[in-house]
Protein backbone atom coordinates (compact mmCIF):
# COMPACT_ATOMS: atom_id res chain seq x y z
CA MET A 1 0.00 0.00 0.00
CA ILE A 2 1.24 3.44 -0.89
CA ASN A 3 0.54 6.25 1.54
CA LYS A 4 -1.21 9.05 -0.33
CA ASP A 5 0.30 11.57 2.05
CA MET A 6 3.84 10.41 1.27
CA GLY A 7 6.16 13.36 0.94
CA ALA A 8 3.82 15.86 2.61
CA ILE A 9 5.70 18.73 4.20
CA PRO A 10 4.68 19.31 7.83
CA ASN A 11 3.75 22.83 8.87
CA ARG A 12 6.60 23.93 11.10
CA GLU A 13 5.63 27.29 12.59
CA SER A 14 8.12 28.27 15.28
CA ALA A 15 7.80 30.87 18.00
CA SER A 16 10.31 33.04 16.15
CA ASP A 17 7.61 33.84 13.56
CA ASP A 18 5.66 35.78 16.17
CA CYS A 19 8.85 37.44 17.39
CA GLY A 20 9.71 38.56 13.88
CA GLN A 21 6.26 40.01 13.28
CA GLU A 22 6.34 41.73 16.67
CA ALA A 23 9.75 43.27 15.86
CA LYS A 24 8.32 44.72 12.63
CA LYS A 25 5.37 46.19 14.51
CA MET A 26 7.59 47.75 17.18
CA LEU A 27 9.96 49.17 14.55
CA SER A 28 7.04 50.78 12.69
CA GLU A 29 5.70 52.11 15.97
CA VAL A 30 9.05 53.64 16.95
CA ARG A 31 9.50 55.26 13.54
CA ARG A 32 6.03 56.84 13.70
CA ILE A 33 6.73 58.26 17.16
CA ILE A 34 10.14 59.58 16.10
CA TYR A 35 8.67 61.13 12.95
CA ARG A 36 6.00 62.97 14.98
CA LEU A 37 8.52 64.16 17.56
CA GLU A 38 10.84 65.49 14.86
CA LEU A 39 7.95 67.43 13.35
CA GLU A 40 7.33 68.99 16.75
CA ASP A 41 11.05 69.86 17.11
CA ILE A 42 11.46 67.81 20.26
CA GLU A 43 15.07 67.67 21.37
CA PRO A 44 16.79 64.29 20.77
CA ILE A 45 17.55 63.79 24.45
CA TYR A 46 13.80 63.58 25.17
CA ILE A 47 12.83 61.31 22.27
CA LYS A 48 13.74 58.14 24.16
CA ARG A 49 11.45 59.18 27.03
CA HIS A 50 8.55 59.94 24.68
CA ILE A 51 8.96 56.58 22.95
CA PHE A 52 8.76 54.79 26.30
CA ASP A 53 5.72 56.80 27.42
CA GLU A 54 3.79 56.51 24.13
CA GLY A 55 4.86 53.02 23.16
CA SER A 56 2.88 49.83 23.58
CA ASP A 57 3.42 47.39 26.44
CA ASN A 58 5.50 45.11 24.23
CA LEU A 59 7.70 48.01 23.16
CA ARG A 60 8.22 49.08 26.75
CA ASP A 61 9.14 45.55 27.82
CA PHE A 62 11.57 45.34 24.91
CA MET A 63 13.23 48.63 25.89
CA VAL A 64 13.58 47.50 29.50
CA GLU A 65 15.26 44.23 28.43
CA ARG A 66 17.47 45.49 25.59
CA ILE A 67 18.10 49.23 26.05
CA GLY A 68 20.32 50.58 28.81
CA GLU A 69 19.85 53.86 30.63
CA LYS A 70 22.75 55.52 28.80
CA ASP A 71 21.74 54.27 25.33
CA GLU A 72 20.14 56.75 22.92
CA TYR A 73 16.95 56.10 20.98
CA GLN A 74 19.07 55.34 17.87
CA LYS A 75 20.25 52.18 19.66
CA LEU A 76 16.64 51.02 19.91
CA VAL A 77 16.14 51.54 16.18
CA GLU A 78 19.34 49.63 15.34
CA ILE A 79 18.38 46.66 17.51
CA LEU A 80 14.89 46.46 16.02
CA GLU A 81 16.29 46.66 12.47
CA GLU A 82 18.70 43.81 13.28
CA GLU A 83 15.81 41.71 14.59
CA VAL A 84 13.80 42.34 11.44
CA GLN A 85 16.80 41.46 9.25
CA LYS A 86 17.43 38.24 11.17
CA GLU A 87 13.79 37.30 10.76
CA ALA A 88 13.99 37.90 7.00
CA ILE A 89 17.07 35.65 6.75
CA ARG A 90 15.39 32.97 8.85
CA GLN A 91 12.27 33.03 6.70
CA LYS A 92 14.37 32.69 3.55
CA GLU A 93 16.17 29.68 5.02
CA GLU A 94 12.82 28.14 5.95
CA GLN A 95 11.57 28.67 2.41
CA ASP A 96 14.70 27.06 0.96
CA LYS A 97 14.27 24.08 3.27
CA ALA A 98 10.62 23.79 2.30
CA LYS A 99 11.56 23.82 -1.40
CA MET A 100 14.21 21.17 -0.80
CA TRP A 101 11.79 18.91 1.06
CA THR A 102 9.18 19.45 -1.62
CA SER A 103 11.61 18.49 -4.40
CA MET A 104 12.75 15.42 -2.45
CA ALA A 105 9.18 14.35 -1.84
CA GLU A 106 8.37 14.85 -5.52
CA ALA A 107 11.37 12.73 -6.48
CA VAL A 108 10.24 9.96 -4.14
CA ARG A 109 6.70 10.07 -5.51
CA GLU A 110 8.03 9.95 -9.08
CA ALA A 111 10.26 6.98 -8.25
CA VAL A 112 7.34 5.14 -6.65
CA ARG A 113 5.14 5.96 -9.64
CA LYS A 114 7.71 4.59 -12.09
CA GLU A 115 8.14 1.47 -9.99
CA LEU A 116 4.40 0.89 -9.99
CA ASP A 117 4.28 1.52 -13.74
CA VAL A 118 6.96 -1.12 -14.26
CA ILE A 119 5.15 -3.67 -12.12
CA ASN A 120 1.52 -2.99 -12.99
CA ALA A 121 1.41 -1.10 -16.29
CA TYR A 122 2.13 -4.13 -18.50
CA PRO A 123 2.60 -7.84 -17.85
CA ARG A 124 6.17 -8.87 -17.32
CA MET A 125 7.46 -11.65 -19.54
CA GLU A 126 8.89 -14.71 -17.90
CA GLY A 127 12.63 -14.53 -17.51
CA GLN A 128 12.76 -10.75 -17.94
CA ILE A 129 14.55 -8.90 -15.16
CA VAL A 130 12.92 -5.62 -14.15
CA LYS A 131 15.24 -2.83 -13.01
CA SER A 132 13.90 0.42 -11.62
CA GLY A 133 15.06 3.76 -12.96
CA ILE A 134 16.01 2.34 -16.38
CA GLU A 135 14.29 2.99 -19.70
CA CYS A 136 14.60 0.92 -22.85
CA PHE A 137 15.87 2.77 -25.93
CA TYR A 138 14.10 0.25 -28.19
CA CYS A 139 10.52 0.09 -26.89
CA GLY A 140 10.55 3.15 -24.61
CA ARG A 141 9.27 1.29 -21.56
CA SER A 142 10.98 1.41 -18.20
CA GLY A 143 12.40 -1.47 -16.22
CA HIS A 144 14.90 -2.95 -18.70
CA ILE A 145 17.52 -1.96 -21.26
CA ALA A 146 17.41 -2.42 -25.01
CA ARG A 147 19.79 -5.39 -24.95
CA ASN A 148 17.30 -7.34 -22.82
CA CYS A 149 14.16 -6.10 -24.60
CA PHE A 150 11.94 -8.99 -25.67
CA GLN A 151 10.49 -6.95 -28.53
CA ARG A 152 13.78 -7.03 -30.45
CA LYS A 153 13.91 -9.26 -33.49
CA ASP A 154 17.34 -10.64 -32.65
CA LYS A 155 15.79 -12.10 -29.51
CA ASP A 156 13.55 -14.27 -31.70
CA GLU A 157 16.43 -15.09 -34.02
CA LYS A 158 18.66 -16.07 -31.09
CA ASN A 159 21.39 -13.62 -32.09
CA ASN A 160 21.79 -11.86 -28.75
CA LEU A 161 25.36 -11.98 -27.50
CA ASN A 162 26.18 -14.64 -24.92
CA LYS A 163 22.58 -15.76 -24.49
CA VAL A 164 21.36 -19.34 -24.68
CA PHE A 165 17.81 -20.09 -25.82
CA LYS A 166 15.76 -23.18 -26.33
CA PRO A 167 14.66 -24.00 -29.91
CA ARG A 168 11.81 -22.05 -31.48
CA GLY A 169 9.36 -24.86 -30.83
CA CYS A 170 9.76 -24.49 -27.07
CA GLU A 171 7.51 -22.18 -25.15
CA LYS A 172 10.13 -20.87 -22.75
CA ARG A 173 13.57 -19.39 -23.21
CA VAL A 174 16.52 -20.54 -21.17
CA GLY A 175 17.74 -17.45 -19.35
CA LEU A 176 21.33 -18.67 -19.06
CA THR A 177 24.53 -17.03 -20.15
CA VAL A 178 27.47 -18.98 -21.51
CA ASP A 179 29.19 -18.82 -18.13
CA ASP A 180 26.07 -20.16 -16.42
CA VAL A 181 25.92 -23.08 -18.86
CA LYS A 182 29.59 -23.90 -18.31
CA GLU A 183 29.11 -23.84 -14.55
CA ARG A 184 25.93 -25.92 -14.58
CA TYR A 185 27.16 -28.52 -17.09
CA TRP A 186 30.80 -28.57 -16.08
CA ASP A 187 30.90 -32.37 -16.24
CA ILE A 188 30.26 -32.18 -20.00
CA PHE A 189 32.68 -29.41 -20.90
CA GLU A 190 35.47 -30.58 -18.58
CA ASN A 191 35.12 -34.33 -18.73
CA PRO A 192 38.63 -35.81 -18.34
CA LYS A 193 37.52 -39.14 -19.82
CA ASP A 194 36.81 -37.71 -23.24
CA GLU A 195 39.12 -34.93 -24.42
CA GLU A 196 37.13 -34.38 -27.60
CA ILE A 197 33.97 -33.23 -25.83
CA GLY A 198 33.36 -29.57 -26.53
CA TYR A 199 35.68 -29.38 -29.57
CA CYS A 200 35.04 -29.56 -33.30
CA LYS A 201 36.83 -32.10 -35.42
CA LEU A 202 39.56 -30.80 -37.69
CA GLU A 203 38.33 -30.52 -41.26
CA LYS A 204 40.89 -30.00 -44.02
CA CYS A 205 40.12 -28.46 -47.39
CA LYS A 206 42.43 -27.59 -50.25
CA ILE A 207 42.25 -24.02 -51.52
CA PRO A 208 43.28 -23.54 -55.16
CA THR A 209 45.75 -20.64 -55.30
CA LYS A 210 48.44 -19.78 -57.77
CA GLU A 211 51.93 -20.92 -56.91
CA GLY A 212 53.89 -18.24 -55.07
CA GLU A 213 51.03 -15.74 -55.09
CA LYS A 214 50.24 -14.24 -51.72
CA ILE A 215 46.72 -13.18 -50.95
CA LEU A 216 46.76 -10.17 -48.64
CA ARG A 217 43.93 -8.29 -47.08
CA LYS A 218 44.34 -5.12 -45.07
CA GLY A 219 42.78 -4.95 -41.65
CA GLN A 220 42.77 -2.96 -38.48
CA THR A 221 45.68 -3.34 -36.11
CA ILE A 222 45.16 -4.59 -32.58
CA PRO A 223 45.06 -1.79 -29.99
CA GLN A 224 48.13 -1.55 -27.80
CA ALA A 225 46.04 -2.10 -24.68
CA LEU A 226 44.81 -5.48 -26.00
CA ILE A 227 48.03 -6.88 -27.49
CA LYS A 228 49.10 -8.80 -24.38
CA GLU A 229 45.60 -10.08 -23.72
CA THR A 230 45.26 -11.10 -27.38
CA GLU A 231 48.53 -13.06 -27.26
CA GLU A 232 47.38 -14.89 -24.14
CA TYR A 233 44.04 -15.57 -25.81
CA MET A 234 45.73 -17.04 -28.88
CA LYS A 235 48.08 -19.21 -26.78
CA ASP A 236 45.16 -20.48 -24.72
CA SER A 237 43.17 -21.28 -27.88
CA GLU A 238 46.16 -23.14 -29.32
CA ASN A 239 46.66 -25.12 -26.11
CA ARG A 240 43.00 -26.11 -26.11
CA LYS A 241 43.32 -27.14 -29.78
CA VAL A 242 40.81 -24.59 -30.94
CA ILE A 243 43.36 -23.26 -33.45
CA ARG A 244 46.65 -24.62 -34.77
CA ARG A 245 49.70 -23.24 -36.47
CA SER A 246 49.98 -23.70 -40.24
CA LYS A 247 51.71 -22.25 -43.30
CA SER A 248 49.60 -20.46 -45.84
CA GLU A 249 49.83 -17.83 -48.55
CA TRP A 250 46.72 -16.25 -47.12
CA ARG A 251 47.25 -13.29 -44.83
CA ASN A 252 44.43 -11.55 -43.03
CA PRO A 253 45.13 -9.68 -39.76
CA ILE A 254 42.95 -10.65 -36.86
CA ARG A 255 40.94 -8.09 -34.99
CA ALA A 256 40.47 -8.02 -31.22
CA ILE A 257 37.10 -6.80 -29.96
CA GLN A 258 36.23 -6.31 -26.32
CA LYS A 259 32.71 -7.51 -25.57
CA PRO A 260 30.31 -5.64 -23.24
CA ASN A 261 31.00 -8.14 -20.45
CA GLY A 262 34.74 -7.39 -20.61
CA GLU A 263 35.78 -10.62 -22.36
CA LEU A 264 37.85 -10.65 -25.54
CA ARG A 265 36.63 -11.77 -28.95
CA ILE A 266 38.97 -12.50 -31.86
CA VAL A 267 37.50 -12.10 -35.35
CA CYS A 268 38.92 -12.50 -38.84
CA ASN A 269 37.38 -11.83 -42.26
CA PHE A 270 37.47 -14.99 -44.40
CA ILE A 271 35.07 -13.80 -47.09
CA GLY A 272 37.76 -13.55 -49.75
CA LEU A 273 39.23 -16.90 -48.78
CA ASN A 274 35.85 -18.61 -48.81
CA ASP A 275 35.25 -17.37 -52.35
CA LEU A 276 38.19 -19.49 -53.48
CA VAL A 277 36.90 -22.67 -51.84
């Protein structure tokens, strides 16, 4: 259940609000009295006495607490102006805090709304992981990224990188990555009794080329940051009998590509070579 009052800002009225308003009233009162006394040409030494006699009870109490016997009436005006200025600063800080709490509450409500949209707006497909705060660039819905979007065609064609699916005739997809399959079926891929499990048989085919003619194809060089990792990858592939050393007139530089999961992929363009087969 979602509380409808979530994010409501409580009304925090402190006692300083009344003090600030009272300071404004007393300042206006003092200025009116001073203005009248100046019009009547009252000497400054008597203005303080007139303010005390004509002022309200609150003004008198304030003068008793804050104004000394030797202080002039200008001191009273300065203190009241400082109180009014402090109140203005305090009110501004309160307004800033209220805006901050309002924005935070709005952000929380928006996050809750998106989460509810992800869960309730449309039925979630089996095997699809829902992540909050993420929007798909392919379908525009929230809760997943484009790579995991089930509306993509390559999902149906089983072309998604490092994903394993059941055949088309099956109703469900197997939500396993290559690493998950290796870990779950380790006895098949690492069976010491049969070294040929998991490897393709070596197929040899003669390629008709002219004697002494080298077939070259330009390609991109391997980035410096991936050279060492590429060499280790090639040695590991050779040790596992995935590739083998051979002599050939065909030259096509390999290309190292770093996959999204951080692993390395080695590719090579054999289109020209396949045309000769």
